[in-house]
Amino acid sequence: MTKRLNGLCLLLTLALLASGCAAATAFRKGDTAMHSGNLDEAVAEYRKAVQAAPDNANYKIALQRASLAASRSHLEKAKE
């Protein structure tokens, strides 16, 4: 029973680490896209980060900022 519990704990820990890594990677890609002016790509990457780590407030804020910036950009292009 102890071996089984230890194995389960190890599996759960690895799953949490993998999801954390995926979220951090997506967030960094979102930052890079945002700084490059690729707003739609930034929104997509930040959305991946939020989906991988829904409790991370920094990821949610970055997604909101990128979404607003992309919306403004699309609106300005439509006005032209």
C-alpha atoms as a PDB file:
ATOM      1  CA  MET A   1       0.000   0.000   0.000  1.00  0.00           C
ATOM      2  CA  THR A   2       2.832   2.418   0.849  1.00  0.00           C
ATOM      3  CA  LYS A   3       4.554   1.830  -2.493  1.00  0.00           C
ATOM      4  CA  ARG A   4       1.307   2.487  -4.296  1.00  0.00           C
ATOM      5  CA  LEU A   5       0.744   5.725  -2.360  1.00  0.00           C
ATOM      6  CA  ASN A   6       4.313   6.864  -2.992  1.00  0.00           C
ATOM      7  CA  GLY A   7       3.899   6.172  -6.701  1.00  0.00           C
ATOM      8  CA  LEU A   8       0.657   8.112  -6.792  1.00  0.00           C
ATOM      9  CA  CYS A   9       2.272  11.073  -5.010  1.00  0.00           C
ATOM     10  CA  LEU A  10       5.182  11.031  -7.432  1.00  0.00           C
ATOM     11  CA  LEU A  11       2.845  10.937 -10.427  1.00  0.00           C
ATOM     12  CA  LEU A  12       0.799  13.836  -9.058  1.00  0.00           C
ATOM     13  CA  THR A  13       3.929  15.889  -8.403  1.00  0.00           C
ATOM     14  CA  LEU A  14       5.221  15.298 -11.921  1.00  0.00           C
ATOM     15  CA  ALA A  15       1.859  16.276 -13.401  1.00  0.00           C
ATOM     16  CA  LEU A  16       1.823  19.526 -11.419  1.00  0.00           C
ATOM     17  CA  LEU A  17       5.373  20.350 -12.461  1.00  0.00           C
ATOM     18  CA  ALA A  18       4.612  19.657 -16.111  1.00  0.00           C
ATOM     19  CA  SER A  19       1.556  21.899 -16.090  1.00  0.00           C
ATOM     20  CA  GLY A  20       3.540  24.642 -14.341  1.00  0.00           C
ATOM     21  CA  CYS A  21       6.264  24.420 -16.961  1.00  0.00           C
ATOM     22  CA  ALA A  22       3.718  24.584 -19.774  1.00  0.00           C
ATOM     23  CA  ALA A  23       2.119  27.651 -18.229  1.00  0.00           C
ATOM     24  CA  ALA A  24       5.448  29.417 -17.725  1.00  0.00           C
ATOM     25  CA  THR A  25       6.544  28.616 -21.280  1.00  0.00           C
ATOM     26  CA  ALA A  26       3.293  29.955 -22.737  1.00  0.00           C
ATOM     27  CA  PHE A  27       3.567  33.073 -20.579  1.00  0.00           C
ATOM     28  CA  ARG A  28       7.123  33.766 -21.785  1.00  0.00           C
ATOM     29  CA  LYS A  29       6.013  33.289 -25.393  1.00  0.00           C
ATOM     30  CA  GLY A  30       3.159  35.709 -24.737  1.00  0.00           C
ATOM     31  CA  ASP A  31       5.584  38.287 -23.334  1.00  0.00           C
ATOM     32  CA  THR A  32       7.830  37.914 -26.368  1.00  0.00           C
ATOM     33  CA  ALA A  33       4.898  38.300 -28.751  1.00  0.00           C
ATOM     34  CA  MET A  34       3.598  41.312 -26.834  1.00  0.00           C
ATOM     35  CA  HIS A  35       6.967  43.077 -26.971  1.00  0.00           C
ATOM     36  CA  SER A  36       7.201  42.302 -30.689  1.00  0.00           C
ATOM     37  CA  GLY A  37       3.780  43.804 -31.327  1.00  0.00           C
ATOM     38  CA  ASN A  38       2.162  40.476 -32.260  1.00  0.00           C
ATOM     39  CA  LEU A  39      -0.922  41.105 -30.155  1.00  0.00           C
ATOM     40  CA  ASP A  40      -3.075  38.247 -31.437  1.00  0.00           C
ATOM     41  CA  GLU A  41      -0.263  35.772 -30.810  1.00  0.00           C
ATOM     42  CA  ALA A  42       0.241  37.231 -27.334  1.00  0.00           C
ATOM     43  CA  VAL A  43      -3.442  36.731 -26.539  1.00  0.00           C
ATOM     44  CA  ALA A  44      -3.269  33.109 -27.702  1.00  0.00           C
ATOM     45  CA  GLU A  45      -0.169  32.361 -25.620  1.00  0.00           C
ATOM     46  CA  TYR A  46      -1.476  34.113 -22.504  1.00  0.00           C
ATOM     47  CA  ARG A  47      -4.731  32.174 -22.886  1.00  0.00           C
ATOM     48  CA  LYS A  48      -2.717  28.918 -22.880  1.00  0.00           C
ATOM     49  CA  ALA A  49      -0.931  30.060 -19.722  1.00  0.00           C
ATOM     50  CA  VAL A  50      -4.219  30.871 -17.978  1.00  0.00           C
ATOM     51  CA  GLN A  51      -5.694  27.526 -18.998  1.00  0.00           C
ATOM     52  CA  ALA A  52      -2.652  25.700 -17.631  1.00  0.00           C
ATOM     53  CA  ALA A  53      -2.585  27.708 -14.386  1.00  0.00           C
ATOM     54  CA  PRO A  54      -6.041  29.222 -13.819  1.00  0.00           C
ATOM     55  CA  ASP A  55      -5.215  30.479 -10.310  1.00  0.00           C
ATOM     56  CA  ASN A  56      -2.275  32.639 -11.438  1.00  0.00           C
ATOM     57  CA  ALA A  57      -3.379  36.284 -11.250  1.00  0.00           C
ATOM     58  CA  ASN A  58      -0.356  37.520 -13.232  1.00  0.00           C
ATOM     59  CA  TYR A  59      -1.312  35.338 -16.177  1.00  0.00           C
ATOM     60  CA  LYS A  60      -4.926  36.568 -16.053  1.00  0.00           C
ATOM     61  CA  ILE A  61      -3.849  40.222 -15.925  1.00  0.00           C
ATOM     62  CA  ALA A  62      -1.462  39.759 -18.852  1.00  0.00           C
ATOM     63  CA  LEU A  63      -4.258  38.122 -20.860  1.00  0.00           C
ATOM     64  CA  GLN A  64      -6.630  41.007 -20.134  1.00  0.00           C
ATOM     65  CA  ARG A  65      -4.037  43.606 -21.107  1.00  0.00           C
ATOM     66  CA  ALA A  66      -3.158  41.812 -24.328  1.00  0.00           C
ATOM     67  CA  SER A  67      -6.840  41.349 -25.186  1.00  0.00           C
ATOM     68  CA  LEU A  68      -7.531  45.054 -24.695  1.00  0.00           C
ATOM     69  CA  ALA A  69      -4.485  46.056 -26.728  1.00  0.00           C
ATOM     70  CA  ALA A  70      -5.463  43.683 -29.540  1.00  0.00           C
ATOM     71  CA  SER A  71      -9.041  44.992 -29.493  1.00  0.00           C
ATOM     72  CA  ARG A  72      -7.839  48.585 -29.717  1.00  0.00           C
ATOM     73  CA  SER A  73      -5.486  47.689 -32.545  1.00  0.00           C
ATOM     74  CA  HIS A  74      -8.227  45.951 -34.532  1.00  0.00           C
ATOM     75  CA  LEU A  75     -10.596  48.862 -33.929  1.00  0.00           C
ATOM     76  CA  GLU A  76      -8.015  51.380 -35.184  1.00  0.00           C
ATOM     77  CA  LYS A  77      -7.388  49.274 -38.310  1.00  0.00           C
ATOM     78  CA  ALA A  78     -11.145  49.073 -38.936  1.00  0.00           C
ATOM     79  CA  LYS A  79     -11.465  52.855 -38.673  1.00  0.00           C
ATOM     80  CA  GLU A  80      -8.767  53.305 -41.318  1.00  0.00           C
END
